[in-house]
Amino acid sequence: MSTHAARLSGANDTGLPLAEDMMTGAEAIAKFMFGDATETNKRRVYHAADKLGLPTFRLGGTLCARRSTILRWIEAQESAA
């Protein structure tokens, strides 16, 4: 089986389906990163995306991110510290 065919079973290297890997909205991203989606934590998400390089993208006007990509970004931040 080729690498490409194996990758089709999931949306990323973790094998998660796209629906489980993707987060839509600052609220979902804040809940994933900080444990809850308070207004302060949502602002922290927007700040990190704008100023710190948090890997996000927009679908229309909605901020989105993949769990797997954020985890890799956090690991890179830890390594750089």
C-alpha atoms as a PDB file:
ATOM      1  CA  MET A   1       0.000   0.000   0.000  1.00  0.00           C
ATOM      2  CA  SER A   2       1.378   3.389  -0.910  1.00  0.00           C
ATOM      3  CA  THR A   3       1.884   6.214   1.567  1.00  0.00           C
ATOM      4  CA  HIS A   4      -0.720   8.252  -0.266  1.00  0.00           C
ATOM      5  CA  ALA A   5      -3.352   5.510   0.043  1.00  0.00           C
ATOM      6  CA  ALA A   6      -2.629   5.090   3.751  1.00  0.00           C
ATOM      7  CA  ARG A   7      -2.998   8.807   4.281  1.00  0.00           C
ATOM      8  CA  LEU A   8      -6.500   8.804   2.790  1.00  0.00           C
ATOM      9  CA  SER A   9      -7.810   7.002   5.876  1.00  0.00           C
ATOM     10  CA  GLY A  10      -7.191  10.168   7.892  1.00  0.00           C
ATOM     11  CA  ALA A  11      -6.752  13.851   7.272  1.00  0.00           C
ATOM     12  CA  ASN A  12      -3.203  13.980   8.607  1.00  0.00           C
ATOM     13  CA  ASP A  13      -0.317  11.902   9.908  1.00  0.00           C
ATOM     14  CA  THR A  14      -2.279  11.086  13.077  1.00  0.00           C
ATOM     15  CA  GLY A  15      -4.939   9.270  11.080  1.00  0.00           C
ATOM     16  CA  LEU A  16      -7.726  11.460  12.482  1.00  0.00           C
ATOM     17  CA  PRO A  17     -10.624  12.178  10.167  1.00  0.00           C
ATOM     18  CA  LEU A  18     -10.710  15.814   9.094  1.00  0.00           C
ATOM     19  CA  ALA A  19     -13.867  16.434  11.133  1.00  0.00           C
ATOM     20  CA  GLU A  20     -12.050  15.433  14.326  1.00  0.00           C
ATOM     21  CA  ASP A  21      -8.830  17.278  13.510  1.00  0.00           C
ATOM     22  CA  MET A  22     -10.276  20.607  12.399  1.00  0.00           C
ATOM     23  CA  MET A  23     -11.479  23.281  14.791  1.00  0.00           C
ATOM     24  CA  THR A  24     -13.756  26.058  13.594  1.00  0.00           C
ATOM     25  CA  GLY A  25     -13.825  29.340  15.485  1.00  0.00           C
ATOM     26  CA  ALA A  26     -11.685  30.958  18.151  1.00  0.00           C
ATOM     27  CA  GLU A  27     -13.944  29.411  20.786  1.00  0.00           C
ATOM     28  CA  ALA A  28     -13.063  25.845  19.734  1.00  0.00           C
ATOM     29  CA  ILE A  29      -9.358  26.693  19.456  1.00  0.00           C
ATOM     30  CA  ALA A  30      -9.360  28.364  22.892  1.00  0.00           C
ATOM     31  CA  LYS A  31     -11.086  25.365  24.448  1.00  0.00           C
ATOM     32  CA  PHE A  32      -8.494  23.035  22.909  1.00  0.00           C
ATOM     33  CA  MET A  33      -5.490  25.149  23.926  1.00  0.00           C
ATOM     34  CA  PHE A  34      -6.557  26.574  27.285  1.00  0.00           C
ATOM     35  CA  GLY A  35      -9.311  24.286  28.534  1.00  0.00           C
ATOM     36  CA  ASP A  36     -12.133  26.775  28.249  1.00  0.00           C
ATOM     37  CA  ALA A  37     -13.384  29.444  25.902  1.00  0.00           C
ATOM     38  CA  THR A  38     -13.540  32.554  28.041  1.00  0.00           C
ATOM     39  CA  GLU A  39     -13.380  35.903  26.276  1.00  0.00           C
ATOM     40  CA  THR A  40      -9.804  36.291  27.524  1.00  0.00           C
ATOM     41  CA  ASN A  41      -8.775  32.939  26.055  1.00  0.00           C
ATOM     42  CA  LYS A  42     -10.435  33.728  22.717  1.00  0.00           C
ATOM     43  CA  ARG A  43      -8.471  37.003  22.635  1.00  0.00           C
ATOM     44  CA  ARG A  44      -5.322  35.014  23.406  1.00  0.00           C
ATOM     45  CA  VAL A  45      -6.029  32.838  20.356  1.00  0.00           C
ATOM     46  CA  TYR A  46      -6.443  35.871  18.076  1.00  0.00           C
ATOM     47  CA  HIS A  47      -3.277  37.434  19.508  1.00  0.00           C
ATOM     48  CA  ALA A  48      -1.264  34.226  19.027  1.00  0.00           C
ATOM     49  CA  ALA A  49      -2.536  33.871  15.467  1.00  0.00           C
ATOM     50  CA  ASP A  50      -1.744  37.488  14.618  1.00  0.00           C
ATOM     51  CA  LYS A  51       1.516  38.079  16.481  1.00  0.00           C
ATOM     52  CA  LEU A  52       3.052  34.743  17.507  1.00  0.00           C
ATOM     53  CA  GLY A  53       2.589  32.600  14.414  1.00  0.00           C
ATOM     54  CA  LEU A  54      -0.129  30.265  15.684  1.00  0.00           C
ATOM     55  CA  PRO A  55      -0.960  28.232  12.565  1.00  0.00           C
ATOM     56  CA  THR A  56      -4.517  29.180  11.661  1.00  0.00           C
ATOM     57  CA  PHE A  57      -6.439  29.880   8.494  1.00  0.00           C
ATOM     58  CA  ARG A  58      -9.749  31.437   7.622  1.00  0.00           C
ATOM     59  CA  LEU A  59     -12.768  29.905   5.971  1.00  0.00           C
ATOM     60  CA  GLY A  60     -14.745  32.961   5.038  1.00  0.00           C
ATOM     61  CA  GLY A  61     -14.364  35.140   8.098  1.00  0.00           C
ATOM     62  CA  THR A  62     -14.040  32.270  10.577  1.00  0.00           C
ATOM     63  CA  LEU A  63     -10.709  31.463  12.187  1.00  0.00           C
ATOM     64  CA  CYS A  64      -9.890  27.746  11.845  1.00  0.00           C
ATOM     65  CA  ALA A  65      -7.033  25.434  12.790  1.00  0.00           C
ATOM     66  CA  ARG A  66      -6.112  21.771  12.886  1.00  0.00           C
ATOM     67  CA  ARG A  67      -5.407  20.139  16.230  1.00  0.00           C
ATOM     68  CA  SER A  68      -2.458  18.231  14.760  1.00  0.00           C
ATOM     69  CA  THR A  69      -0.894  21.389  13.329  1.00  0.00           C
ATOM     70  CA  ILE A  70      -1.258  23.300  16.602  1.00  0.00           C
ATOM     71  CA  LEU A  71       0.299  20.430  18.549  1.00  0.00           C
ATOM     72  CA  ARG A  72       3.304  20.428  16.178  1.00  0.00           C
ATOM     73  CA  TRP A  73       3.573  24.231  16.546  1.00  0.00           C
ATOM     74  CA  ILE A  74       3.543  23.932  20.352  1.00  0.00           C
ATOM     75  CA  GLU A  75       6.250  21.262  20.193  1.00  0.00           C
ATOM     76  CA  ALA A  76       8.370  23.592  18.040  1.00  0.00           C
ATOM     77  CA  GLN A  77       7.872  26.408  20.565  1.00  0.00           C
ATOM     78  CA  GLU A  78       8.996  24.095  23.373  1.00  0.00           C
ATOM     79  CA  SER A  79      12.087  23.073  21.423  1.00  0.00           C
ATOM     80  CA  ALA A  80      13.010  26.690  20.742  1.00  0.00           C
ATOM     81  CA  ALA A  81      12.748  27.695  24.404  1.00  0.00           C
END
